[in-house]
Amino acid sequence: VSLTPVLRYSYYDRKPQTNNNALYGLES
């Protein structure tokens, strides 16, 4: 018999890099 607890912390970041993000409705 074995017991395996696990814990993870996840972080993400997304960024558009167009010349005019707001004009095309793209947000980070």
mmCIF file of all heavy atoms, coordinates in Angstrom:
data_MODEL
# 
_entry.id   MODEL 
# 
loop_
_atom_site.group_PDB 
_atom_site.id 
_atom_site.type_symbol 
_atom_site.label_atom_id 
_atom_site.label_alt_id 
_atom_site.label_comp_id 
_atom_site.label_asym_id 
_atom_site.label_entity_id 
_atom_site.label_seq_id 
_atom_site.pdbx_PDB_ins_code 
_atom_site.Cartn_x 
_atom_site.Cartn_y 
_atom_site.Cartn_z 
_atom_site.occupancy 
_atom_site.B_iso_or_equiv 
_atom_site.pdbx_formal_charge 
_atom_site.auth_seq_id 
_atom_site.auth_comp_id 
_atom_site.auth_asym_id 
_atom_site.auth_atom_id 
_atom_site.pdbx_PDB_model_num 
ATOM 1   N N   . VAL A 1 1  ? 0.847  -1.201 0.000   1.00 0.00 ? 1  VAL A N   1 
ATOM 2   C CA  . VAL A 1 1  ? 0.000  0.000  0.000   1.00 0.00 ? 1  VAL A CA  1 
ATOM 3   C C   . VAL A 1 1  ? 0.879  1.246  0.000   1.00 0.00 ? 1  VAL A C   1 
ATOM 4   O O   . VAL A 1 1  ? 1.796  1.373  0.823   1.00 0.00 ? 1  VAL A O   1 
ATOM 5   C CB  . VAL A 1 1  ? -0.942 0.028  1.218   1.00 0.00 ? 1  VAL A CB  1 
ATOM 6   C CG1 . VAL A 1 1  ? -1.777 1.311  1.215   1.00 0.00 ? 1  VAL A CG1 1 
ATOM 7   C CG2 . VAL A 1 1  ? -1.857 -1.193 1.218   1.00 0.00 ? 1  VAL A CG2 1 
ATOM 8   N N   . SER A 1 2  ? 0.593  2.155  -0.929  1.00 0.00 ? 2  SER A N   1 
ATOM 9   C CA  . SER A 1 2  ? 1.316  3.431  -0.980  1.00 0.00 ? 2  SER A CA  1 
ATOM 10  C C   . SER A 1 2  ? 0.340  4.577  -1.182  1.00 0.00 ? 2  SER A C   1 
ATOM 11  O O   . SER A 1 2  ? -0.724 4.421  -1.799  1.00 0.00 ? 2  SER A O   1 
ATOM 12  C CB  . SER A 1 2  ? 2.369  3.427  -2.093  1.00 0.00 ? 2  SER A CB  1 
ATOM 13  O OG  . SER A 1 2  ? 1.758  3.337  -3.365  1.00 0.00 ? 2  SER A OG  1 
ATOM 14  N N   . LEU A 1 3  ? 0.712  5.734  -0.669  1.00 0.00 ? 3  LEU A N   1 
ATOM 15  C CA  . LEU A 1 3  ? -0.086 6.943  -0.777  1.00 0.00 ? 3  LEU A CA  1 
ATOM 16  C C   . LEU A 1 3  ? 0.797  8.040  -1.354  1.00 0.00 ? 3  LEU A C   1 
ATOM 17  O O   . LEU A 1 3  ? 1.909  8.253  -0.851  1.00 0.00 ? 3  LEU A O   1 
ATOM 18  C CB  . LEU A 1 3  ? -0.622 7.351  0.592   1.00 0.00 ? 3  LEU A CB  1 
ATOM 19  C CG  . LEU A 1 3  ? -1.679 8.453  0.648   1.00 0.00 ? 3  LEU A CG  1 
ATOM 20  C CD1 . LEU A 1 3  ? -2.963 7.977  -0.007  1.00 0.00 ? 3  LEU A CD1 1 
ATOM 21  C CD2 . LEU A 1 3  ? -1.928 8.875  2.093   1.00 0.00 ? 3  LEU A CD2 1 
ATOM 22  N N   . THR A 1 4  ? 0.326  8.702  -2.404  1.00 0.00 ? 4  THR A N   1 
ATOM 23  C CA  . THR A 1 4  ? 1.154  9.706  -3.087  1.00 0.00 ? 4  THR A CA  1 
ATOM 24  C C   . THR A 1 4  ? 0.428  11.042 -3.170  1.00 0.00 ? 4  THR A C   1 
ATOM 25  O O   . THR A 1 4  ? -0.357 11.277 -4.087  1.00 0.00 ? 4  THR A O   1 
ATOM 26  C CB  . THR A 1 4  ? 1.548  9.238  -4.500  1.00 0.00 ? 4  THR A CB  1 
ATOM 27  O OG1 . THR A 1 4  ? 2.129  7.941  -4.444  1.00 0.00 ? 4  THR A OG1 1 
ATOM 28  C CG2 . THR A 1 4  ? 2.530  10.211 -5.141  1.00 0.00 ? 4  THR A CG2 1 
ATOM 29  N N   . PRO A 1 5  ? 0.645  11.947 -2.226  1.00 0.00 ? 5  PRO A N   1 
ATOM 30  C CA  . PRO A 1 5  ? 0.125  13.301 -2.367  1.00 0.00 ? 5  PRO A CA  1 
ATOM 31  C C   . PRO A 1 5  ? 1.039  14.123 -3.272  1.00 0.00 ? 5  PRO A C   1 
ATOM 32  O O   . PRO A 1 5  ? 2.258  13.897 -3.313  1.00 0.00 ? 5  PRO A O   1 
ATOM 33  C CB  . PRO A 1 5  ? 0.132  13.836 -0.933  1.00 0.00 ? 5  PRO A CB  1 
ATOM 34  C CG  . PRO A 1 5  ? 1.226  13.074 -0.264  1.00 0.00 ? 5  PRO A CG  1 
ATOM 35  C CD  . PRO A 1 5  ? 1.275  11.722 -0.925  1.00 0.00 ? 5  PRO A CD  1 
ATOM 36  N N   . VAL A 1 6  ? 0.471  15.060 -4.000  1.00 0.00 ? 6  VAL A N   1 
ATOM 37  C CA  . VAL A 1 6  ? 1.247  15.907 -4.906  1.00 0.00 ? 6  VAL A CA  1 
ATOM 38  C C   . VAL A 1 6  ? 0.698  17.325 -4.842  1.00 0.00 ? 6  VAL A C   1 
ATOM 39  O O   . VAL A 1 6  ? -0.508 17.536 -4.651  1.00 0.00 ? 6  VAL A O   1 
ATOM 40  C CB  . VAL A 1 6  ? 1.201  15.359 -6.363  1.00 0.00 ? 6  VAL A CB  1 
ATOM 41  C CG1 . VAL A 1 6  ? -0.239 15.304 -6.868  1.00 0.00 ? 6  VAL A CG1 1 
ATOM 42  C CG2 . VAL A 1 6  ? 2.067  16.186 -7.286  1.00 0.00 ? 6  VAL A CG2 1 
ATOM 43  N N   . LEU A 1 7  ? 1.575  18.286 -4.981  1.00 0.00 ? 7  LEU A N   1 
ATOM 44  C CA  . LEU A 1 7  ? 1.185  19.695 -4.959  1.00 0.00 ? 7  LEU A CA  1 
ATOM 45  C C   . LEU A 1 7  ? 1.995  20.435 -6.019  1.00 0.00 ? 7  LEU A C   1 
ATOM 46  O O   . LEU A 1 7  ? 3.207  20.259 -6.120  1.00 0.00 ? 7  LEU A O   1 
ATOM 47  C CB  . LEU A 1 7  ? 1.448  20.308 -3.582  1.00 0.00 ? 7  LEU A CB  1 
ATOM 48  C CG  . LEU A 1 7  ? 1.001  21.757 -3.382  1.00 0.00 ? 7  LEU A CG  1 
ATOM 49  C CD1 . LEU A 1 7  ? -0.523 21.872 -3.482  1.00 0.00 ? 7  LEU A CD1 1 
ATOM 50  C CD2 . LEU A 1 7  ? 1.493  22.293 -2.035  1.00 0.00 ? 7  LEU A CD2 1 
ATOM 51  N N   . ARG A 1 8  ? 1.296  21.243 -6.819  1.00 0.00 ? 8  ARG A N   1 
ATOM 52  C CA  . ARG A 1 8  ? 1.959  22.005 -7.880  1.00 0.00 ? 8  ARG A CA  1 
ATOM 53  C C   . ARG A 1 8  ? 1.483  23.454 -7.880  1.00 0.00 ? 8  ARG A C   1 
ATOM 54  O O   . ARG A 1 8  ? 0.294  23.719 -7.683  1.00 0.00 ? 8  ARG A O   1 
ATOM 55  C CB  . ARG A 1 8  ? 1.684  21.385 -9.256  1.00 0.00 ? 8  ARG A CB  1 
ATOM 56  C CG  . ARG A 1 8  ? 2.300  22.175 -10.407 1.00 0.00 ? 8  ARG A CG  1 
ATOM 57  C CD  . ARG A 1 8  ? 2.011  21.567 -11.771 1.00 0.00 ? 8  ARG A CD  1 
ATOM 58  N NE  . ARG A 1 8  ? 2.497  22.423 -12.838 1.00 0.00 ? 8  ARG A NE  1 
ATOM 59  C CZ  . ARG A 1 8  ? 3.746  22.443 -13.292 1.00 0.00 ? 8  ARG A CZ  1 
ATOM 60  N NH1 . ARG A 1 8  ? 4.630  21.614 -12.780 1.00 0.00 ? 8  ARG A NH1 1 
ATOM 61  N NH2 . ARG A 1 8  ? 4.107  23.266 -14.252 1.00 0.00 ? 8  ARG A NH2 1 
ATOM 62  N N   . TYR A 1 9  ? 2.421  24.360 -8.095  1.00 0.00 ? 9  TYR A N   1 
ATOM 63  C CA  . TYR A 1 9  ? 2.107  25.774 -8.311  1.00 0.00 ? 9  TYR A CA  1 
ATOM 64  C C   . TYR A 1 9  ? 2.431  26.108 -9.755  1.00 0.00 ? 9  TYR A C   1 
ATOM 65  O O   . TYR A 1 9  ? 3.559  25.878 -10.222 1.00 0.00 ? 9  TYR A O   1 
ATOM 66  C CB  . TYR A 1 9  ? 2.919  26.667 -7.374  1.00 0.00 ? 9  TYR A CB  1 
ATOM 67  C CG  . TYR A 1 9  ? 2.791  28.136 -7.695  1.00 0.00 ? 9  TYR A CG  1 
ATOM 68  C CD1 . TYR A 1 9  ? 1.669  28.862 -7.302  1.00 0.00 ? 9  TYR A CD1 1 
ATOM 69  C CD2 . TYR A 1 9  ? 3.789  28.789 -8.411  1.00 0.00 ? 9  TYR A CD2 1 
ATOM 70  C CE1 . TYR A 1 9  ? 1.543  30.210 -7.613  1.00 0.00 ? 9  TYR A CE1 1 
ATOM 71  C CE2 . TYR A 1 9  ? 3.681  30.141 -8.724  1.00 0.00 ? 9  TYR A CE2 1 
ATOM 72  C CZ  . TYR A 1 9  ? 2.550  30.850 -8.324  1.00 0.00 ? 9  TYR A CZ  1 
ATOM 73  O OH  . TYR A 1 9  ? 2.428  32.179 -8.646  1.00 0.00 ? 9  TYR A OH  1 
ATOM 74  N N   . SER A 1 10 ? 1.448  26.627 -10.490 1.00 0.00 ? 10 SER A N   1 
ATOM 75  C CA  . SER A 1 10 ? 1.630  26.949 -11.910 1.00 0.00 ? 10 SER A CA  1 
ATOM 76  C C   . SER A 1 10 ? 1.408  28.439 -12.150 1.00 0.00 ? 10 SER A C   1 
ATOM 77  O O   . SER A 1 10 ? 0.500  29.053 -11.562 1.00 0.00 ? 10 SER A O   1 
ATOM 78  C CB  . SER A 1 10 ? 0.641  26.154 -12.776 1.00 0.00 ? 10 SER A CB  1 
ATOM 79  O OG  . SER A 1 10 ? 0.817  24.766 -12.618 1.00 0.00 ? 10 SER A OG  1 
ATOM 80  N N   . TYR A 1 11 ? 2.232  28.994 -13.017 1.00 0.00 ? 11 TYR A N   1 
ATOM 81  C CA  . TYR A 1 11 ? 2.118  30.402 -13.427 1.00 0.00 ? 11 TYR A CA  1 
ATOM 82  C C   . TYR A 1 11 ? 2.241  30.487 -14.943 1.00 0.00 ? 11 TYR A C   1 
ATOM 83  O O   . TYR A 1 11 ? 3.011  29.740 -15.550 1.00 0.00 ? 11 TYR A O   1 
ATOM 84  C CB  . TYR A 1 11 ? 3.223  31.246 -12.781 1.00 0.00 ? 11 TYR A CB  1 
ATOM 85  C CG  . TYR A 1 11 ? 3.295  32.659 -13.335 1.00 0.00 ? 11 TYR A CG  1 
ATOM 86  C CD1 . TYR A 1 11 ? 2.473  33.658 -12.840 1.00 0.00 ? 11 TYR A CD1 1 
ATOM 87  C CD2 . TYR A 1 11 ? 4.182  32.971 -14.367 1.00 0.00 ? 11 TYR A CD2 1 
ATOM 88  C CE1 . TYR A 1 11 ? 2.526  34.947 -13.349 1.00 0.00 ? 11 TYR A CE1 1 
ATOM 89  C CE2 . TYR A 1 11 ? 4.248  34.259 -14.882 1.00 0.00 ? 11 TYR A CE2 1 
ATOM 90  C CZ  . TYR A 1 11 ? 3.402  35.245 -14.371 1.00 0.00 ? 11 TYR A CZ  1 
ATOM 91  O OH  . TYR A 1 11 ? 3.452  36.500 -14.902 1.00 0.00 ? 11 TYR A OH  1 
ATOM 92  N N   . TYR A 1 12 ? 1.454  31.371 -15.550 1.00 0.00 ? 12 TYR A N   1 
ATOM 93  C CA  . TYR A 1 12 ? 1.589  31.575 -16.991 1.00 0.00 ? 12 TYR A CA  1 
ATOM 94  C C   . TYR A 1 12 ? 1.433  33.050 -17.331 1.00 0.00 ? 12 TYR A C   1 
ATOM 95  O O   . TYR A 1 12 ? 0.829  33.836 -16.579 1.00 0.00 ? 12 TYR A O   1 
ATOM 96  C CB  . TYR A 1 12 ? 0.565  30.736 -17.759 1.00 0.00 ? 12 TYR A CB  1 
ATOM 97  C CG  . TYR A 1 12 ? -0.822 31.348 -17.828 1.00 0.00 ? 12 TYR A CG  1 
ATOM 98  C CD1 . TYR A 1 12 ? -1.215 32.135 -18.913 1.00 0.00 ? 12 TYR A CD1 1 
ATOM 99  C CD2 . TYR A 1 12 ? -1.744 31.138 -16.808 1.00 0.00 ? 12 TYR A CD2 1 
ATOM 100 C CE1 . TYR A 1 12 ? -2.475 32.699 -18.961 1.00 0.00 ? 12 TYR A CE1 1 
ATOM 101 C CE2 . TYR A 1 12 ? -3.003 31.683 -16.867 1.00 0.00 ? 12 TYR A CE2 1 
ATOM 102 C CZ  . TYR A 1 12 ? -3.372 32.464 -17.950 1.00 0.00 ? 12 TYR A CZ  1 
ATOM 103 O OH  . TYR A 1 12 ? -4.629 33.031 -18.000 1.00 0.00 ? 12 TYR A OH  1 
ATOM 104 N N   . ASP A 1 13 ? 1.974  33.416 -18.490 1.00 0.00 ? 13 ASP A N   1 
ATOM 105 C CA  . ASP A 1 13 ? 1.887  34.791 -18.994 1.00 0.00 ? 13 ASP A CA  1 
ATOM 106 C C   . ASP A 1 13 ? 1.782  34.737 -20.511 1.00 0.00 ? 13 ASP A C   1 
ATOM 107 O O   . ASP A 1 13 ? 2.533  33.998 -21.160 1.00 0.00 ? 13 ASP A O   1 
ATOM 108 C CB  . ASP A 1 13 ? 3.129  35.582 -18.572 1.00 0.00 ? 13 ASP A CB  1 
ATOM 109 C CG  . ASP A 1 13 ? 3.059  37.037 -18.996 1.00 0.00 ? 13 ASP A CG  1 
ATOM 110 O OD1 . ASP A 1 13 ? 2.426  37.824 -18.277 1.00 0.00 ? 13 ASP A OD1 1 
ATOM 111 O OD2 . ASP A 1 13 ? 3.618  37.373 -20.054 1.00 0.00 ? 13 ASP A OD2 1 
ATOM 112 N N   . ARG A 1 14 ? 0.834  35.463 -21.082 1.00 0.00 ? 14 ARG A N   1 
ATOM 113 C CA  . ARG A 1 14 ? 0.642  35.531 -22.525 1.00 0.00 ? 14 ARG A CA  1 
ATOM 114 C C   . ARG A 1 14 ? 0.648  36.996 -22.960 1.00 0.00 ? 14 ARG A C   1 
ATOM 115 O O   . ARG A 1 14 ? -0.056 37.820 -22.363 1.00 0.00 ? 14 ARG A O   1 
ATOM 116 C CB  . ARG A 1 14 ? -0.691 34.888 -22.937 1.00 0.00 ? 14 ARG A CB  1 
ATOM 117 C CG  . ARG A 1 14 ? -0.868 33.443 -22.463 1.00 0.00 ? 14 ARG A CG  1 
ATOM 118 C CD  . ARG A 1 14 ? -0.006 32.489 -23.266 1.00 0.00 ? 14 ARG A CD  1 
ATOM 119 N NE  . ARG A 1 14 ? -0.277 31.107 -22.890 1.00 0.00 ? 14 ARG A NE  1 
ATOM 120 C CZ  . ARG A 1 14 ? 0.458  30.411 -22.023 1.00 0.00 ? 14 ARG A CZ  1 
ATOM 121 N NH1 . ARG A 1 14 ? 1.507  30.990 -21.437 1.00 0.00 ? 14 ARG A NH1 1 
ATOM 122 N NH2 . ARG A 1 14 ? 0.158  29.169 -21.733 1.00 0.00 ? 14 ARG A NH2 1 
ATOM 123 N N   . LYS A 1 15 ? 1.421  37.284 -24.016 1.00 0.00 ? 15 LYS A N   1 
ATOM 124 C CA  . LYS A 1 15 ? 1.536  38.667 -24.470 1.00 0.00 ? 15 LYS A CA  1 
ATOM 125 C C   . LYS A 1 15 ? 1.512  38.743 -25.996 1.00 0.00 ? 15 LYS A C   1 
ATOM 126 O O   . LYS A 1 15 ? 2.345  38.109 -26.658 1.00 0.00 ? 15 LYS A O   1 
ATOM 127 C CB  . LYS A 1 15 ? 2.837  39.299 -23.966 1.00 0.00 ? 15 LYS A CB  1 
ATOM 128 C CG  . LYS A 1 15 ? 2.884  39.539 -22.474 1.00 0.00 ? 15 LYS A CG  1 
ATOM 129 C CD  . LYS A 1 15 ? 4.183  40.212 -22.063 1.00 0.00 ? 15 LYS A CD  1 
ATOM 130 C CE  . LYS A 1 15 ? 4.219  40.448 -20.556 1.00 0.00 ? 15 LYS A CE  1 
ATOM 131 N NZ  . LYS A 1 15 ? 5.498  41.078 -20.143 1.00 0.00 ? 15 LYS A NZ  1 
ATOM 132 N N   . PRO A 1 16 ? 0.569  39.515 -26.573 1.00 0.00 ? 16 PRO A N   1 
ATOM 133 C CA  . PRO A 1 16 ? 0.651  39.803 -28.013 1.00 0.00 ? 16 PRO A CA  1 
ATOM 134 C C   . PRO A 1 16 ? 1.712  40.870 -28.238 1.00 0.00 ? 16 PRO A C   1 
ATOM 135 O O   . PRO A 1 16 ? 1.957  41.718 -27.364 1.00 0.00 ? 16 PRO A O   1 
ATOM 136 C CB  . PRO A 1 16 ? -0.752 40.332 -28.336 1.00 0.00 ? 16 PRO A CB  1 
ATOM 137 C CG  . PRO A 1 16 ? -1.203 40.964 -27.056 1.00 0.00 ? 16 PRO A CG  1 
ATOM 138 C CD  . PRO A 1 16 ? -0.589 40.142 -25.940 1.00 0.00 ? 16 PRO A CD  1 
ATOM 139 N N   . GLN A 1 17 ? 2.344  40.848 -29.402 1.00 0.00 ? 17 GLN A N   1 
ATOM 140 C CA  . GLN A 1 17 ? 3.430  41.790 -29.666 1.00 0.00 ? 17 GLN A CA  1 
ATOM 141 C C   . GLN A 1 17 ? 3.265  42.471 -31.023 1.00 0.00 ? 17 GLN A C   1 
ATOM 142 O O   . GLN A 1 17 ? 4.233  42.692 -31.742 1.00 0.00 ? 17 GLN A O   1 
ATOM 143 C CB  . GLN A 1 17 ? 4.776  41.065 -29.597 1.00 0.00 ? 17 GLN A CB  1 
ATOM 144 C CG  . GLN A 1 17 ? 5.091  40.512 -28.212 1.00 0.00 ? 17 GLN A CG  1 
ATOM 145 C CD  . GLN A 1 17 ? 6.448  39.850 -28.134 1.00 0.00 ? 17 GLN A CD  1 
ATOM 146 O OE1 . GLN A 1 17 ? 6.724  38.879 -28.835 1.00 0.00 ? 17 GLN A OE1 1 
ATOM 147 N NE2 . GLN A 1 17 ? 7.327  40.385 -27.297 1.00 0.00 ? 17 GLN A NE2 1 
ATOM 148 N N   . THR A 1 18 ? 2.021  42.804 -31.360 1.00 0.00 ? 18 THR A N   1 
ATOM 149 C CA  . THR A 1 18 ? 1.780  43.544 -32.594 1.00 0.00 ? 18 THR A CA  1 
ATOM 150 C C   . THR A 1 18 ? 2.127  45.005 -32.370 1.00 0.00 ? 18 THR A C   1 
ATOM 151 O O   . THR A 1 18 ? 2.337  45.455 -31.241 1.00 0.00 ? 18 THR A O   1 
ATOM 152 C CB  . THR A 1 18 ? 0.312  43.414 -33.032 1.00 0.00 ? 18 THR A CB  1 
ATOM 153 O OG1 . THR A 1 18 ? -0.522 44.106 -32.085 1.00 0.00 ? 18 THR A OG1 1 
ATOM 154 C CG2 . THR A 1 18 ? -0.116 41.964 -33.096 1.00 0.00 ? 18 THR A CG2 1 
ATOM 155 N N   . ASN A 1 19 ? 2.152  45.772 -33.465 1.00 0.00 ? 19 ASN A N   1 
ATOM 156 C CA  . ASN A 1 19 ? 2.457  47.199 -33.350 1.00 0.00 ? 19 ASN A CA  1 
ATOM 157 C C   . ASN A 1 19 ? 1.312  47.979 -32.710 1.00 0.00 ? 19 ASN A C   1 
ATOM 158 O O   . ASN A 1 19 ? 1.528  49.074 -32.195 1.00 0.00 ? 19 ASN A O   1 
ATOM 159 C CB  . ASN A 1 19 ? 2.767  47.779 -34.736 1.00 0.00 ? 19 ASN A CB  1 
ATOM 160 C CG  . ASN A 1 19 ? 4.042  47.208 -35.323 1.00 0.00 ? 19 ASN A CG  1 
ATOM 161 O OD1 . ASN A 1 19 ? 4.983  46.897 -34.585 1.00 0.00 ? 19 ASN A OD1 1 
ATOM 162 N ND2 . ASN A 1 19 ? 4.071  47.030 -36.633 1.00 0.00 ? 19 ASN A ND2 1 
ATOM 163 N N   . ASN A 1 20 ? 0.108  47.421 -32.753 1.00 0.00 ? 20 ASN A N   1 
ATOM 164 C CA  . ASN A 1 20 ? -1.040 48.105 -32.169 1.00 0.00 ? 20 ASN A CA  1 
ATOM 165 C C   . ASN A 1 20 ? -2.010 47.056 -31.619 1.00 0.00 ? 20 ASN A C   1 
ATOM 166 O O   . ASN A 1 20 ? -3.005 46.725 -32.246 1.00 0.00 ? 20 ASN A O   1 
ATOM 167 C CB  . ASN A 1 20 ? -1.728 48.993 -33.209 1.00 0.00 ? 20 ASN A CB  1 
ATOM 168 C CG  . ASN A 1 20 ? -2.674 49.997 -32.565 1.00 0.00 ? 20 ASN A CG  1 
ATOM 169 O OD1 . ASN A 1 20 ? -3.176 49.769 -31.466 1.00 0.00 ? 20 ASN A OD1 1 
ATOM 170 N ND2 . ASN A 1 20 ? -2.913 51.101 -33.250 1.00 0.00 ? 20 ASN A ND2 1 
ATOM 171 N N   . ASN A 1 21 ? -1.702 46.528 -30.444 1.00 0.00 ? 21 ASN A N   1 
ATOM 172 C CA  . ASN A 1 21 ? -2.528 45.475 -29.866 1.00 0.00 ? 21 ASN A CA  1 
ATOM 173 C C   . ASN A 1 21 ? -3.966 45.925 -29.644 1.00 0.00 ? 21 ASN A C   1 
ATOM 174 O O   . ASN A 1 21 ? -4.915 45.183 -29.907 1.00 0.00 ? 21 ASN A O   1 
ATOM 175 C CB  . ASN A 1 21 ? -1.941 45.010 -28.526 1.00 0.00 ? 21 ASN A CB  1 
ATOM 176 C CG  . ASN A 1 21 ? -0.597 44.329 -28.688 1.00 0.00 ? 21 ASN A CG  1 
ATOM 177 O OD1 . ASN A 1 21 ? -0.298 43.772 -29.733 1.00 0.00 ? 21 ASN A OD1 1 
ATOM 178 N ND2 . ASN A 1 21 ? 0.215  44.387 -27.649 1.00 0.00 ? 21 ASN A ND2 1 
ATOM 179 N N   . ALA A 1 22 ? -4.139 47.154 -29.132 1.00 0.00 ? 22 ALA A N   1 
ATOM 180 C CA  . ALA A 1 22 ? -5.483 47.632 -28.806 1.00 0.00 ? 22 ALA A CA  1 
ATOM 181 C C   . ALA A 1 22 ? -6.359 47.727 -30.048 1.00 0.00 ? 22 ALA A C   1 
ATOM 182 O O   . ALA A 1 22 ? -7.561 47.439 -29.999 1.00 0.00 ? 22 ALA A O   1 
ATOM 183 C CB  . ALA A 1 22 ? -5.396 48.986 -28.104 1.00 0.00 ? 22 ALA A CB  1 
ATOM 184 N N   . LEU A 1 23 ? -5.769 48.117 -31.184 1.00 0.00 ? 23 LEU A N   1 
ATOM 185 C CA  . LEU A 1 23 ? -6.532 48.259 -32.415 1.00 0.00 ? 23 LEU A CA  1 
ATOM 186 C C   . LEU A 1 23 ? -7.135 46.937 -32.847 1.00 0.00 ? 23 LEU A C   1 
ATOM 187 O O   . LEU A 1 23 ? -8.253 46.880 -33.357 1.00 0.00 ? 23 LEU A O   1 
ATOM 188 C CB  . LEU A 1 23 ? -5.641 48.823 -33.527 1.00 0.00 ? 23 LEU A CB  1 
ATOM 189 C CG  . LEU A 1 23 ? -6.291 48.987 -34.912 1.00 0.00 ? 23 LEU A CG  1 
ATOM 190 C CD1 . LEU A 1 23 ? -7.424 50.018 -34.842 1.00 0.00 ? 23 LEU A CD1 1 
ATOM 191 C CD2 . LEU A 1 23 ? -5.254 49.427 -35.937 1.00 0.00 ? 23 LEU A CD2 1 
ATOM 192 N N   . TYR A 1 24 ? -6.414 45.862 -32.608 1.00 0.00 ? 24 TYR A N   1 
ATOM 193 C CA  . TYR A 1 24 ? -6.885 44.550 -33.029 1.00 0.00 ? 24 TYR A CA  1 
ATOM 194 C C   . TYR A 1 24 ? -7.563 43.780 -31.886 1.00 0.00 ? 24 TYR A C   1 
ATOM 195 O O   . TYR A 1 24 ? -7.893 42.613 -32.031 1.00 0.00 ? 24 TYR A O   1 
ATOM 196 C CB  . TYR A 1 24 ? -5.718 43.739 -33.585 1.00 0.00 ? 24 TYR A CB  1 
ATOM 197 C CG  . TYR A 1 24 ? -4.994 44.453 -34.693 1.00 0.00 ? 24 TYR A CG  1 
ATOM 198 C CD1 . TYR A 1 24 ? -3.681 44.890 -34.540 1.00 0.00 ? 24 TYR A CD1 1 
ATOM 199 C CD2 . TYR A 1 24 ? -5.644 44.728 -35.898 1.00 0.00 ? 24 TYR A CD2 1 
ATOM 200 C CE1 . TYR A 1 24 ? -3.022 45.565 -35.555 1.00 0.00 ? 24 TYR A CE1 1 
ATOM 201 C CE2 . TYR A 1 24 ? -4.984 45.414 -36.912 1.00 0.00 ? 24 TYR A CE2 1 
ATOM 202 C CZ  . TYR A 1 24 ? -3.674 45.830 -36.728 1.00 0.00 ? 24 TYR A CZ  1 
ATOM 203 O OH  . TYR A 1 24 ? -3.025 46.503 -37.730 1.00 0.00 ? 24 TYR A OH  1 
ATOM 204 N N   . GLY A 1 25 ? -7.756 44.434 -30.748 1.00 0.00 ? 25 GLY A N   1 
ATOM 205 C CA  . GLY A 1 25 ? -8.447 43.806 -29.634 1.00 0.00 ? 25 GLY A CA  1 
ATOM 206 C C   . GLY A 1 25 ? -7.664 42.708 -28.947 1.00 0.00 ? 25 GLY A C   1 
ATOM 207 O O   . GLY A 1 25 ? -8.253 41.801 -28.359 1.00 0.00 ? 25 GLY A O   1 
ATOM 208 N N   . LEU A 1 26 ? -6.330 42.775 -29.002 1.00 0.00 ? 26 LEU A N   1 
ATOM 209 C CA  . LEU A 1 26 ? -5.489 41.744 -28.401 1.00 0.00 ? 26 LEU A CA  1 
ATOM 210 C C   . LEU A 1 26 ? -4.967 42.236 -27.055 1.00 0.00 ? 26 LEU A C   1 
ATOM 211 O O   . LEU A 1 26 ? -4.408 43.329 -26.953 1.00 0.00 ? 26 LEU A O   1 
ATOM 212 C CB  . LEU A 1 26 ? -4.319 41.409 -29.321 1.00 0.00 ? 26 LEU A CB  1 
ATOM 213 C CG  . LEU A 1 26 ? -4.683 41.010 -30.752 1.00 0.00 ? 26 LEU A CG  1 
ATOM 214 C CD1 . LEU A 1 26 ? -3.424 40.672 -31.540 1.00 0.00 ? 26 LEU A CD1 1 
ATOM 215 C CD2 . LEU A 1 26 ? -5.655 39.839 -30.766 1.00 0.00 ? 26 LEU A CD2 1 
ATOM 216 N N   . GLU A 1 27 ? -5.147 41.421 -26.020 1.00 0.00 ? 27 GLU A N   1 
ATOM 217 C CA  . GLU A 1 27 ? -4.755 41.803 -24.678 1.00 0.00 ? 27 GLU A CA  1 
ATOM 218 C C   . GLU A 1 27 ? -3.826 40.758 -24.056 1.00 0.00 ? 27 GLU A C   1 
ATOM 219 O O   . GLU A 1 27 ? -3.892 39.579 -24.405 1.00 0.00 ? 27 GLU A O   1 
ATOM 220 C CB  . GLU A 1 27 ? -5.995 41.955 -23.783 1.00 0.00 ? 27 GLU A CB  1 
ATOM 221 C CG  . GLU A 1 27 ? -6.991 42.982 -24.278 1.00 0.00 ? 27 GLU A CG  1 
ATOM 222 C CD  . GLU A 1 27 ? -8.229 43.043 -23.398 1.00 0.00 ? 27 GLU A CD  1 
ATOM 223 O OE1 . GLU A 1 27 ? -8.245 42.319 -22.371 1.00 0.00 ? 27 GLU A OE1 1 
ATOM 224 O OE2 . GLU A 1 27 ? -9.156 43.795 -23.723 1.00 0.00 ? 27 GLU A OE2 1 
ATOM 225 N N   . SER A 1 28 ? -2.993 41.221 -23.142 1.00 0.00 ? 28 SER A N   1 
ATOM 226 C CA  . SER A 1 28 ? -2.143 40.315 -22.377 1.00 0.00 ? 28 SER A CA  1 
ATOM 227 C C   . SER A 1 28 ? -2.948 39.716 -21.233 1.00 0.00 ? 28 SER A C   1 
ATOM 228 O O   . SER A 1 28 ? -3.961 40.271 -20.804 1.00 0.00 ? 28 SER A O   1 
ATOM 229 C CB  . SER A 1 28 ? -0.930 41.055 -21.820 1.00 0.00 ? 28 SER A CB  1 
ATOM 230 O OG  . SER A 1 28 ? -0.141 41.592 -22.850 1.00 0.00 ? 28 SER A OG  1 
# 
